[in-house]
């Protein structure tokens, strides 16, 4: 399974069909394949060798789509960088991955002077934009214009194709190594479950650096479908793109769906083309789903569940079970069934499978499961022990095989569809000289699902308020990871016998009256 084969097939079976559409640029599949081949040759021409990591920092664009296919075509490994990271975090991703090339667009070139001297392996910066590149950078279009097409160099299978960084429980992001087989197989595994086919016209509204959108990227291209791309999500841009391009399939996290279907102007747009809507990353509130079904009555809604380590989809809820009445009702709150080619079990603390209906840790296995964590063999062995991917999510399986998520084993918060690991936030909080002790937890939030909340004890006599601490955190971590609220205490935080802060005790007051400890 080679990523290059996706592009070659698309050009073969749908050469004149639309492949990418971004602002005023449209490319059919024949043009798309030619640009990818020439971009790959351009990358080889600037020194990218087999196995080299090539990073990308930019908003959504057709060039981002080409990057995902040209890098493996050249034998390299793509490293998409979260656009919301603070400069120190970008430095960590770049240095940890050893990326030698950075593609960057106009939205982020101002960050370069702050970080360029700290990037240990970086050799070349490529400007992903229109017009002449800034001094010291090469031109993305210049790489294409100056190269002839080349045969793909990817060998597929277990060859690493991408490094996708995810939050680290020890306070640092870790690179998930995904192979060609992982990504191509997962695209094929779930494409038919959620509506992707050769007639699909998909809207890239979520960020392209995120593997949730990446799953749809590889699915729609595997089907030789069409991609329309907007730079970033806004409700109005999403509504306009659906109407103007007759989009028939989209993936949006529940927060995005909520903002779109409840927008004051939603009634002014024709959404009748939309047939399939995928959502995941966080549960769908009942009220939001009800409104969405009313606003987009022609669409089927599909709940998918997974994580980066599974490339990423593990389960999907069939659209016909997204009902509250009738013989197929009763499963709407589940995350669905294991997708074809994937197994799911629920285990106890000793990794023994538990009876149906019993809460434990959700584990999965299949050819979609990652190669491991980049340069972290011990963590890889722990996460993949006994041949199963241990997700860190608590849940149960009913007698029909439907999976329900009820808690989070990992110390993680999901806010607006983004994973926030408490350790990363706590590390930033502790950088403040006045902080003695800190615990970061997720608390319920109506709009974002969960909100990052810090509980802090200061040094005696110190003066620091909520606004000051939050502003401090913005210097260290991405905006979405920063606490949205802070409570201060003069008492030491409760500890277990092993000396760990008892976060379950700290969470209790905020989660009273909730059935689940996730929102």
Protein backbone atom coordinates (compact mmCIF):
# COMPACT_ATOMS: atom_id res chain seq x y z
CA UNK A 1 0.00 0.00 0.00
CA UNK A 2 1.69 3.16 -1.27
CA UNK A 3 0.38 6.68 -0.82
CA UNK A 4 1.59 7.45 -4.35
CA UNK A 5 -0.77 4.78 -5.67
CA UNK A 6 -3.73 6.86 -4.51
CA UNK A 7 -2.70 9.72 -6.78
CA UNK A 8 -1.79 7.50 -9.73
CA UNK A 9 -5.13 5.71 -9.56
CA UNK A 10 -7.06 8.99 -9.31
CA UNK A 11 -5.34 10.33 -12.43
CA UNK A 12 -6.05 7.05 -14.20
CA UNK A 13 -9.74 6.66 -13.40
CA UNK A 14 -10.81 10.33 -13.15
CA UNK A 15 -8.23 12.33 -15.09
CA UNK A 16 -10.57 15.17 -16.02
CA UNK A 17 -12.50 15.22 -12.75
CA UNK A 18 -11.95 17.85 -10.07
CA UNK A 19 -9.21 16.98 -7.59
CA UNK A 20 -8.65 20.26 -5.71
CA UNK A 21 -10.39 23.60 -5.47
CA UNK A 22 -9.00 26.49 -3.44
CA UNK A 23 -10.07 30.08 -3.91
CA UNK A 24 -9.38 30.78 -7.62
CA UNK A 25 -7.27 27.68 -8.26
CA UNK A 26 -8.78 24.44 -9.59
CA UNK A 27 -6.86 21.34 -10.65
CA UNK A 28 -8.22 18.20 -12.22
CA UNK A 29 -6.76 14.82 -11.32
CA UNK A 30 -4.32 14.82 -14.22
CA UNK A 31 -2.98 18.24 -13.23
CA UNK A 32 -2.98 17.31 -9.54
CA UNK A 33 -0.87 14.20 -10.17
CA UNK A 34 1.58 16.09 -12.38
CA UNK A 35 2.08 18.83 -9.78
CA UNK A 36 2.69 16.27 -7.03
CA UNK A 37 5.22 14.40 -9.15
CA UNK A 38 7.09 17.60 -10.00
CA UNK A 39 6.96 18.88 -6.41
CA UNK A 40 8.47 15.58 -5.29
CA UNK A 41 11.24 16.02 -7.83
CA UNK A 42 11.76 19.59 -6.58
CA UNK A 43 12.09 18.33 -3.01
CA UNK A 44 14.65 15.76 -4.10
CA UNK A 45 16.46 18.55 -5.91
CA UNK A 46 16.92 20.55 -2.71
CA UNK A 47 18.34 17.57 -0.87
CA UNK A 48 15.39 15.64 0.56
CA UNK A 49 16.50 12.01 0.81
CA UNK A 50 14.55 8.88 1.60
CA UNK A 51 13.34 8.99 5.19
CA UNK A 52 13.96 12.73 5.65
CA UNK A 53 11.30 14.65 7.54
CA UNK A 54 9.62 17.60 5.84
CA UNK A 55 7.50 19.86 8.07
CA UNK A 56 4.61 22.14 7.08
CA UNK A 57 3.32 25.16 9.00
CA UNK A 58 0.41 26.84 7.28
CA UNK A 59 -3.32 27.25 6.96
CA UNK A 60 -5.41 24.99 4.74
CA UNK A 61 -4.76 25.24 1.01
CA UNK A 62 -4.48 23.16 -2.14
CA UNK A 63 -0.72 23.29 -1.65
CA UNK A 64 -1.13 21.65 1.76
CA UNK A 65 -3.02 18.84 0.02
CA UNK A 66 -0.21 18.47 -2.52
CA UNK A 67 2.36 18.41 0.29
CA UNK A 68 0.72 15.32 1.83
CA UNK A 69 1.27 13.37 -1.36
CA UNK A 70 4.49 14.87 -2.75
CA UNK A 71 6.57 14.24 0.37
CA UNK A 72 6.01 10.44 0.42
CA UNK A 73 6.26 10.42 -3.42
CA UNK A 74 9.80 11.74 -2.85
CA UNK A 75 10.44 9.04 -0.24
CA UNK A 76 10.18 11.49 2.66
CA UNK A 77 8.09 11.75 5.81
CA UNK A 78 5.59 14.59 6.32
CA UNK A 79 5.36 16.38 9.67
CA UNK A 80 2.26 18.63 9.82
CA UNK A 81 2.64 21.30 12.50
CA UNK A 82 -0.26 22.54 14.59
CA UNK A 83 -0.87 26.17 13.62
CA UNK A 84 -1.93 27.05 17.15
CA UNK A 85 1.37 26.21 18.80
CA UNK A 86 3.51 28.76 20.62
CA UNK A 87 7.05 29.22 19.25
CA UNK A 88 8.73 26.98 21.89
CA UNK A 89 6.37 24.16 20.94
CA UNK A 90 7.13 24.55 17.23
CA UNK A 91 10.82 24.34 18.08
CA UNK A 92 10.24 21.10 20.00
CA UNK A 93 8.29 19.49 17.13
CA UNK A 94 10.92 20.52 14.59
CA UNK A 95 13.90 19.40 16.66
CA UNK A 96 12.32 16.21 17.95
CA UNK A 97 11.39 15.15 14.42
CA UNK A 98 14.73 16.26 12.97
CA UNK A 99 12.94 18.00 10.10
CA UNK A 100 15.42 19.30 7.53
CA UNK A 101 12.90 21.22 5.42
CA UNK A 102 10.11 23.55 6.56
CA UNK A 103 7.28 24.65 4.28
CA UNK A 104 5.68 27.78 5.69
CA UNK A 105 2.97 30.15 4.44
CA UNK A 106 2.54 33.90 4.78
CA UNK A 107 0.51 33.56 7.96
CA UNK A 108 3.53 32.25 9.90
CA UNK A 109 6.64 33.74 8.30
CA UNK A 110 6.75 36.35 11.08
CA UNK A 111 7.44 33.52 13.54
CA UNK A 112 10.61 32.43 11.75
CA UNK A 113 13.00 35.01 13.25
CA UNK A 114 11.93 33.88 16.72
CA UNK A 115 12.71 30.22 16.12
CA UNK A 116 15.06 29.79 13.16
CA UNK A 117 18.27 29.92 15.18
CA UNK A 118 16.94 27.18 17.48
CA UNK A 119 16.10 24.65 14.75
CA UNK A 120 18.90 22.14 14.94
CA UNK A 121 18.36 20.11 11.75
CA UNK A 122 16.71 22.68 9.49
CA UNK A 123 18.49 23.26 6.18
CA UNK A 124 15.86 24.77 3.87
CA UNK A 125 12.74 26.92 4.21
CA UNK A 126 10.17 26.90 1.41
CA UNK A 127 7.66 29.73 1.07
CA UNK A 128 4.15 28.42 0.41
CA UNK A 129 2.56 31.51 -1.03
CA UNK A 130 2.08 33.67 -4.10
CA UNK A 131 4.65 36.11 -5.39
CA UNK A 132 8.36 36.27 -4.72
CA UNK A 133 9.51 34.38 -1.62
CA UNK A 134 11.00 36.32 1.30
CA UNK A 135 14.78 36.53 1.45
CA UNK A 136 16.40 33.24 2.35
CA UNK A 137 13.43 31.11 1.30
CA UNK A 138 12.72 29.04 -1.77
CA UNK A 139 9.45 29.22 -3.70
CA UNK A 140 6.92 26.38 -3.52
CA UNK A 141 5.78 27.06 -7.07
CA UNK A 142 9.40 27.43 -8.09
CA UNK A 143 10.11 23.87 -6.94
CA UNK A 144 7.33 22.65 -9.22
CA UNK A 145 8.14 24.88 -12.20
CA UNK A 146 11.80 23.94 -12.13
CA UNK A 147 11.33 20.16 -12.06
CA UNK A 148 10.31 17.40 -14.42
CA UNK A 149 7.97 14.62 -13.36
CA UNK A 150 9.54 11.64 -11.62
CA UNK A 151 8.58 8.12 -10.69
CA UNK A 152 7.48 7.74 -7.06
CA UNK A 153 10.13 6.56 -4.61
CA UNK A 154 7.85 5.32 -1.84
CA UNK A 155 7.98 1.58 -1.18
CA UNK A 156 4.80 1.51 0.90
CA UNK A 157 3.86 -1.04 3.53
CA UNK A 158 5.56 -0.37 6.85
CA UNK A 159 7.64 2.48 5.45
CA UNK A 160 6.96 5.54 7.61
CA UNK A 161 4.88 8.14 5.77
CA UNK A 162 4.07 10.68 8.47
CA UNK A 163 4.86 11.89 11.96
CA UNK A 164 1.76 13.26 13.66
CA UNK A 165 2.47 14.86 17.02
CA UNK A 166 0.03 14.47 19.85
CA UNK A 167 0.02 15.75 23.41
CA UNK A 168 2.39 14.06 25.83
CA UNK A 169 1.42 12.79 29.27
CA UNK A 170 4.89 13.80 30.48
CA UNK A 171 4.45 17.38 29.34
CA UNK A 172 5.93 17.12 25.83
CA UNK A 173 4.25 16.21 22.56
CA UNK A 174 5.22 12.84 21.11
CA UNK A 175 5.48 11.85 17.47
CA UNK A 176 3.16 9.09 16.27
CA UNK A 177 4.80 7.16 13.43
CA UNK A 178 2.24 6.22 10.80
CA UNK A 179 3.11 4.02 7.85
CA UNK A 180 1.78 3.99 4.30
CA UNK A 181 -0.23 0.88 5.22
CA UNK A 182 -1.67 2.57 8.32
CA UNK A 183 -2.95 5.60 6.41
CA UNK A 184 -4.10 3.98 3.18
CA UNK A 185 -5.78 1.04 4.89
CA UNK A 186 -7.59 3.20 7.41
CA UNK A 187 -8.91 5.39 4.60
CA UNK A 188 -10.31 2.31 2.88
CA UNK A 189 -11.55 0.82 6.15
CA UNK A 190 -13.93 3.62 6.99
CA UNK A 191 -14.59 5.32 3.64
CA UNK A 192 -17.53 3.10 2.77
CA UNK A 193 -18.86 3.23 6.33
CA UNK A 194 -19.38 6.99 6.26
CA UNK A 195 -20.23 7.85 2.65
CA UNK A 196 -17.01 8.43 0.69
CA UNK A 197 -17.16 7.35 -2.96
CA UNK A 198 -16.04 8.48 -6.43
CA UNK A 199 -18.76 11.17 -6.49
CA UNK A 200 -17.71 12.66 -3.15
CA UNK A 201 -17.00 16.39 -2.96
CA UNK A 202 -15.43 16.94 0.44
CA UNK A 203 -14.99 20.23 2.29
CA UNK A 204 -11.70 20.71 4.15
CA UNK A 205 -12.93 23.02 6.90
CA UNK A 206 -11.09 21.55 9.92
CA UNK A 207 -7.34 22.23 10.05
CA UNK A 208 -5.38 20.08 7.63
CA UNK A 209 -2.58 19.51 10.15
CA UNK A 210 -5.02 17.49 12.27
CA UNK A 211 -5.40 13.80 11.51
CA UNK A 212 -9.18 13.98 11.87
CA UNK A 213 -9.23 15.95 8.65
CA UNK A 214 -6.31 13.83 7.46
CA UNK A 215 -8.48 10.71 7.63
CA UNK A 216 -10.98 12.34 5.30
CA UNK A 217 -8.14 13.63 3.10
CA UNK A 218 -6.88 10.13 2.40
CA UNK A 219 -10.41 8.74 2.13
CA UNK A 220 -11.65 11.19 -0.50
CA UNK A 221 -8.45 10.95 -2.53
CA UNK A 222 -8.51 7.15 -2.32
CA UNK A 223 -11.94 7.32 -3.94
CA UNK A 224 -10.68 9.79 -6.61
CA UNK A 225 -13.16 12.34 -5.30
CA UNK A 226 -12.97 16.13 -5.14
CA UNK A 227 -11.62 18.42 -2.41
CA UNK A 228 -12.72 22.00 -1.82
CA UNK A 229 -10.58 23.77 0.73
CA UNK A 230 -11.12 26.86 2.87
CA UNK A 231 -8.17 28.40 4.77
CA UNK A 232 -9.73 27.83 8.17
CA UNK A 233 -13.11 27.18 9.72
CA UNK A 234 -15.65 29.92 10.20
CA UNK A 235 -19.40 29.24 10.14
CA UNK A 236 -20.06 31.64 7.25
CA UNK A 237 -17.15 30.43 5.12
CA UNK A 238 -18.31 26.86 5.69
CA UNK A 239 -21.90 27.65 4.75
CA UNK A 240 -20.80 29.61 1.67
CA UNK A 241 -18.48 26.81 0.50
CA UNK A 242 -21.16 24.14 0.89
CA UNK A 243 -23.65 26.20 -1.11
CA UNK A 244 -21.30 27.40 -3.87
CA UNK A 245 -19.54 24.08 -4.48
CA UNK A 246 -22.44 21.68 -3.87
CA UNK A 247 -20.43 19.94 -1.14
CA UNK A 248 -21.91 16.52 -0.36
CA UNK A 249 -19.68 15.31 2.49
CA UNK A 250 -17.98 17.10 5.39
CA UNK A 251 -16.26 16.35 8.65
CA UNK A 252 -16.77 18.78 11.53
CA UNK A 253 -16.20 18.44 15.25
CA UNK A 254 -19.37 19.02 17.31
CA UNK A 255 -18.25 22.52 18.29
CA UNK A 256 -18.05 23.48 14.61
CA UNK A 257 -21.42 21.91 13.88
CA UNK A 258 -22.92 23.80 16.80
CA UNK A 259 -21.53 27.14 15.58
CA UNK A 260 -22.69 26.48 12.02
CA UNK A 261 -26.23 25.20 12.49
CA UNK A 262 -26.98 27.81 15.15
CA UNK A 263 -25.59 30.73 13.18
CA UNK A 264 -28.11 33.55 12.75
CA UNK A 265 -27.75 33.45 8.95
CA UNK A 266 -27.85 29.70 8.41
CA UNK A 267 -31.28 29.93 6.79
CA UNK A 268 -29.86 32.10 3.99
CA UNK A 269 -27.77 29.23 2.59
CA UNK A 270 -28.73 26.22 0.47
CA UNK A 271 -27.34 23.13 2.21
CA UNK A 272 -29.41 20.60 0.28
CA UNK A 273 -26.34 19.07 -1.43
CA UNK A 274 -24.90 17.87 1.89
CA UNK A 275 -25.58 14.14 2.23
CA UNK A 276 -23.08 12.95 4.84
CA UNK A 277 -21.67 14.72 7.90
CA UNK A 278 -18.97 13.06 9.97
CA UNK A 279 -18.25 14.14 13.51
CA UNK A 280 -15.86 12.99 16.19
CA UNK A 281 -13.14 14.17 18.61
CA UNK A 282 -15.81 14.85 21.24
CA UNK A 283 -19.40 13.75 21.92
CA UNK A 284 -22.30 15.43 20.17
CA UNK A 285 -24.69 17.21 22.57
CA UNK A 286 -28.28 16.04 22.04
CA UNK A 287 -29.56 19.57 21.44
CA UNK A 288 -26.94 20.26 18.78
CA UNK A 289 -27.68 17.01 16.94
CA UNK A 290 -31.41 17.76 16.99
CA UNK A 291 -30.84 21.21 15.51
CA UNK A 292 -28.41 19.86 12.92
CA UNK A 293 -30.92 17.26 11.74
CA UNK A 294 -33.52 19.99 11.34
CA UNK A 295 -31.20 22.44 9.55
CA UNK A 296 -29.64 19.82 7.24
CA UNK A 297 -32.49 17.31 6.80
CA UNK A 298 -30.94 15.68 3.71
CA UNK A 299 -27.77 14.66 5.55
CA UNK A 300 -26.88 11.49 7.39
CA UNK A 301 -24.76 12.02 10.49
CA UNK A 302 -21.93 9.61 11.34
CA UNK A 303 -20.17 9.49 14.71
CA UNK A 304 -16.59 8.22 14.38
CA UNK A 305 -14.15 7.49 17.20
CA UNK A 306 -10.43 6.94 17.22
CA UNK A 307 -7.09 8.51 17.97
CA UNK A 308 -3.93 9.51 16.15
CA UNK A 309 -2.26 6.21 17.10
CA UNK A 310 -4.93 4.35 15.07
CA UNK A 311 -4.48 6.45 11.91
CA UNK A 312 -7.07 7.51 13.33
CA UNK A 313 -10.52 5.83 12.98
CA UNK A 314 -11.43 2.81 15.13
CA UNK A 315 -15.24 2.81 15.34
CA UNK A 316 -18.15 4.33 13.45
CA UNK A 317 -21.83 4.60 14.33
CA UNK A 318 -24.02 3.66 11.34
CA UNK A 319 -26.17 6.59 10.27
CA UNK A 320 -29.33 4.51 10.59
CA UNK A 321 -28.66 4.16 14.32
CA UNK A 322 -28.51 7.94 14.78
CA UNK A 323 -32.19 7.89 15.78
CA UNK A 324 -34.11 8.23 19.03
CA UNK A 325 -37.22 6.27 18.01
CA UNK A 326 -38.07 3.09 16.14
CA UNK A 327 -36.55 -0.41 16.06
CA UNK A 328 -33.00 0.91 15.45
CA UNK A 329 -33.02 3.36 18.36
CA UNK A 330 -31.00 3.01 21.53
CA UNK A 331 -27.48 3.38 20.17
CA UNK A 332 -27.32 7.12 19.56
CA UNK A 333 -25.06 7.75 22.56
CA UNK A 334 -22.54 5.14 21.46
CA UNK A 335 -19.35 5.65 19.45
CA UNK A 336 -20.46 2.86 17.14
CA UNK A 337 -18.99 -0.46 16.04
CA UNK A 338 -15.43 -1.45 15.21
CA UNK A 339 -14.78 -0.60 11.57
CA UNK A 340 -13.94 -3.51 9.24
CA UNK A 341 -10.42 -4.82 9.79
CA UNK A 342 -10.26 -3.51 13.36
CA UNK A 343 -10.89 -5.34 16.64
CA UNK A 344 -12.00 -3.64 19.85
CA UNK A 345 -11.95 -5.07 23.37
CA UNK A 346 -12.47 -3.59 26.82
CA UNK A 347 -9.90 -4.61 29.45
CA UNK A 348 -9.31 -4.25 33.16
CA UNK A 349 -6.14 -3.01 34.89
CA UNK A 350 -4.48 -6.40 34.28
CA UNK A 351 -5.37 -6.33 30.56
CA UNK A 352 -8.01 -9.04 30.93
CA UNK A 353 -11.11 -8.60 28.79
CA UNK A 354 -14.11 -7.63 30.92
CA UNK A 355 -17.74 -8.77 30.51
CA UNK A 356 -20.05 -6.77 28.24
CA UNK A 357 -21.45 -3.72 30.00
CA UNK A 358 -18.42 -3.44 32.32
CA UNK A 359 -16.33 -0.30 32.17
CA UNK A 360 -12.63 -0.70 31.39
CA UNK A 361 -10.00 0.65 29.02
CA UNK A 362 -10.81 0.62 25.30
CA UNK A 363 -8.16 -1.25 23.30
CA UNK A 364 -7.91 -1.90 19.59
CA UNK A 365 -5.78 -3.69 17.05
CA UNK A 366 -5.50 -3.85 13.29
CA UNK A 367 -3.20 -2.88 10.46
CA UNK A 368 -4.19 0.74 11.04
CA UNK A 369 -2.37 0.87 14.41
CA UNK A 370 0.80 2.98 14.46
CA UNK A 371 4.36 1.77 14.09
CA UNK A 372 5.08 3.37 17.46
CA UNK A 373 6.23 6.62 19.02
CA UNK A 374 9.20 8.37 17.42
CA UNK A 375 12.36 7.65 19.45
CA UNK A 376 10.33 6.44 22.44
CA UNK A 377 10.59 2.62 22.49
CA UNK A 378 9.58 2.24 26.14
CA UNK A 379 6.40 4.29 25.70
CA UNK A 380 5.67 2.38 22.49
CA UNK A 381 6.00 -0.96 24.28
CA UNK A 382 3.72 0.20 27.10
CA UNK A 383 1.03 1.57 24.76
CA UNK A 384 1.10 -1.45 22.43
CA UNK A 385 1.55 -4.12 25.09
CA UNK A 386 0.14 -7.57 24.37
CA UNK A 387 -0.42 -6.56 20.76
CA UNK A 388 -3.22 -4.09 21.57
CA UNK A 389 -3.32 -0.32 21.30
CA UNK A 390 -4.27 0.97 24.76
CA UNK A 391 -6.25 4.13 24.06
CA UNK A 392 -6.42 5.55 27.57
CA UNK A 393 -10.18 5.98 27.15
CA UNK A 394 -12.56 4.33 29.57
CA UNK A 395 -15.70 2.74 28.18
CA UNK A 396 -17.81 -0.36 27.82
CA UNK A 397 -19.22 -2.50 25.05
CA UNK A 398 -22.84 -3.63 24.95
CA UNK A 399 -24.09 -7.05 23.86
CA UNK A 400 -24.39 -5.85 20.26
CA UNK A 401 -20.77 -4.71 20.06
CA UNK A 402 -21.44 -0.97 20.31
CA UNK A 403 -18.78 0.96 22.20
CA UNK A 404 -19.65 3.65 24.75
CA UNK A 405 -17.09 6.13 26.08
CA UNK A 406 -17.64 7.09 29.71
CA UNK A 407 -14.34 8.33 31.13
CA UNK A 408 -10.76 9.08 30.33
CA UNK A 409 -7.99 6.92 31.71
CA UNK A 410 -5.34 9.30 30.42
CA UNK A 411 -4.97 12.63 32.15
CA UNK A 412 -6.37 14.47 29.17
CA UNK A 413 -8.97 17.13 28.44
CA UNK A 414 -10.83 17.43 25.13
CA UNK A 415 -11.83 21.03 24.50
CA UNK A 416 -13.45 21.95 21.21
CA UNK A 417 -12.16 18.73 19.67
CA UNK A 418 -8.52 19.42 20.62
CA UNK A 419 -6.62 17.10 22.96
CA UNK A 420 -5.07 18.95 25.90
CA UNK A 421 -2.79 16.93 28.17
CA UNK A 422 -2.85 18.28 31.72
CA UNK A 423 0.89 17.75 32.16
CA UNK A 424 1.69 20.20 29.37
CA UNK A 425 -0.46 22.91 30.95
CA UNK A 426 0.85 22.20 34.43
CA UNK A 427 4.41 22.50 33.15
CA UNK A 428 3.60 25.96 31.77
CA UNK A 429 1.87 27.07 34.99
CA UNK A 430 4.84 25.92 37.05
CA UNK A 431 7.15 28.18 35.02
CA UNK A 432 5.72 31.07 37.04
CA UNK A 433 7.92 31.79 40.05
CA UNK A 434 4.92 32.35 42.35
CA UNK A 435 3.41 28.89 41.80
CA UNK A 436 4.11 26.21 44.41
CA UNK A 437 1.59 23.60 43.37
CA UNK A 438 -0.79 23.15 40.48
CA UNK A 439 -3.33 20.67 39.12
CA UNK A 440 -5.08 21.07 35.76
CA UNK A 441 -8.42 19.38 35.17
CA UNK A 442 -11.24 19.47 32.65
CA UNK A 443 -14.53 20.98 33.76
CA UNK A 444 -17.82 20.94 31.84
CA UNK A 445 -18.39 23.73 29.30
CA UNK A 446 -21.56 24.15 27.27
CA UNK A 447 -19.85 25.30 24.06
CA UNK A 448 -16.45 23.55 24.09
CA UNK A 449 -17.45 20.32 25.83
CA UNK A 450 -14.72 20.72 28.41
CA UNK A 451 -12.77 23.71 29.63
CA UNK A 452 -9.19 23.75 30.90
CA UNK A 453 -9.24 24.71 34.58
CA UNK A 454 -6.19 25.22 36.81
CA UNK A 455 -6.18 24.83 40.59
CA UNK A 456 -3.15 26.68 41.96
CA UNK A 457 -1.38 27.23 45.28
CA UNK A 458 0.99 30.18 45.41
CA UNK A 459 4.06 30.91 47.49
CA UNK A 460 3.17 32.67 50.72
CA UNK A 461 2.62 36.38 50.19
CA UNK A 462 2.66 36.16 46.39
CA UNK A 463 0.20 38.28 44.40
CA UNK A 464 -1.07 36.71 41.19
CA UNK A 465 -4.58 36.78 39.79
CA UNK A 466 -6.39 34.66 37.20
CA UNK A 467 -5.72 37.02 34.29
CA UNK A 468 -2.02 37.24 35.13
CA UNK A 469 -1.56 33.49 35.27
CA UNK A 470 -3.45 32.90 32.01
CA UNK A 471 -1.37 35.61 30.29
CA UNK A 472 1.79 33.89 31.56
CA UNK A 473 0.67 30.57 30.06
CA UNK A 474 0.22 32.16 26.62
CA UNK A 475 3.99 32.68 26.48
CA UNK A 476 4.60 28.95 26.89
CA UNK A 477 1.85 26.96 25.20
CA UNK A 478 -0.78 27.21 22.47
CA UNK A 479 -3.83 29.33 23.15
CA UNK A 480 -6.24 26.35 23.17
CA UNK A 481 -4.18 24.65 25.90
CA UNK A 482 -4.15 27.66 28.25
CA UNK A 483 -6.45 27.63 31.30
CA UNK A 484 -9.75 29.37 30.74
CA UNK A 485 -10.34 29.60 34.46
CA UNK A 486 -8.23 29.44 37.61
CA UNK A 487 -9.04 28.83 41.24
CA UNK A 488 -6.54 29.55 43.98
CA UNK A 489 -6.15 27.63 47.22
CA UNK A 490 -4.05 28.17 50.34
CA UNK A 491 -4.31 24.50 51.32
CA UNK A 492 -2.00 21.83 49.87
CA UNK A 493 -3.64 19.80 47.12
CA UNK A 494 -4.88 16.34 48.17
CA UNK A 495 -2.37 13.53 47.59
CA UNK A 496 -2.59 9.78 47.23
CA UNK A 497 -0.45 7.39 49.23
CA UNK A 498 2.00 7.41 46.33
CA UNK A 499 2.23 11.19 46.51
CA UNK A 500 0.15 11.89 43.38
CA UNK A 501 -2.42 14.67 43.34
CA UNK A 502 -5.91 13.19 43.61
CA UNK A 503 -7.47 14.82 40.58
CA UNK A 504 -10.59 12.68 40.91
CA UNK A 505 -11.29 14.50 44.18
CA UNK A 506 -10.65 17.88 42.59
CA UNK A 507 -12.96 17.07 39.70
CA UNK A 508 -15.93 15.93 41.80
CA UNK A 509 -17.47 19.34 42.59
CA UNK A 510 -17.48 20.32 38.91
CA UNK A 511 -18.99 17.08 37.61
CA UNK A 512 -21.81 16.58 40.11
CA UNK A 513 -25.04 15.74 38.29
CA UNK A 514 -23.25 14.44 35.17
CA UNK A 515 -23.66 10.82 34.11
CA UNK A 516 -20.15 10.67 32.63
CA UNK A 517 -16.83 12.20 33.59
CA UNK A 518 -16.35 13.47 30.04
CA UNK A 519 -18.42 16.04 28.21
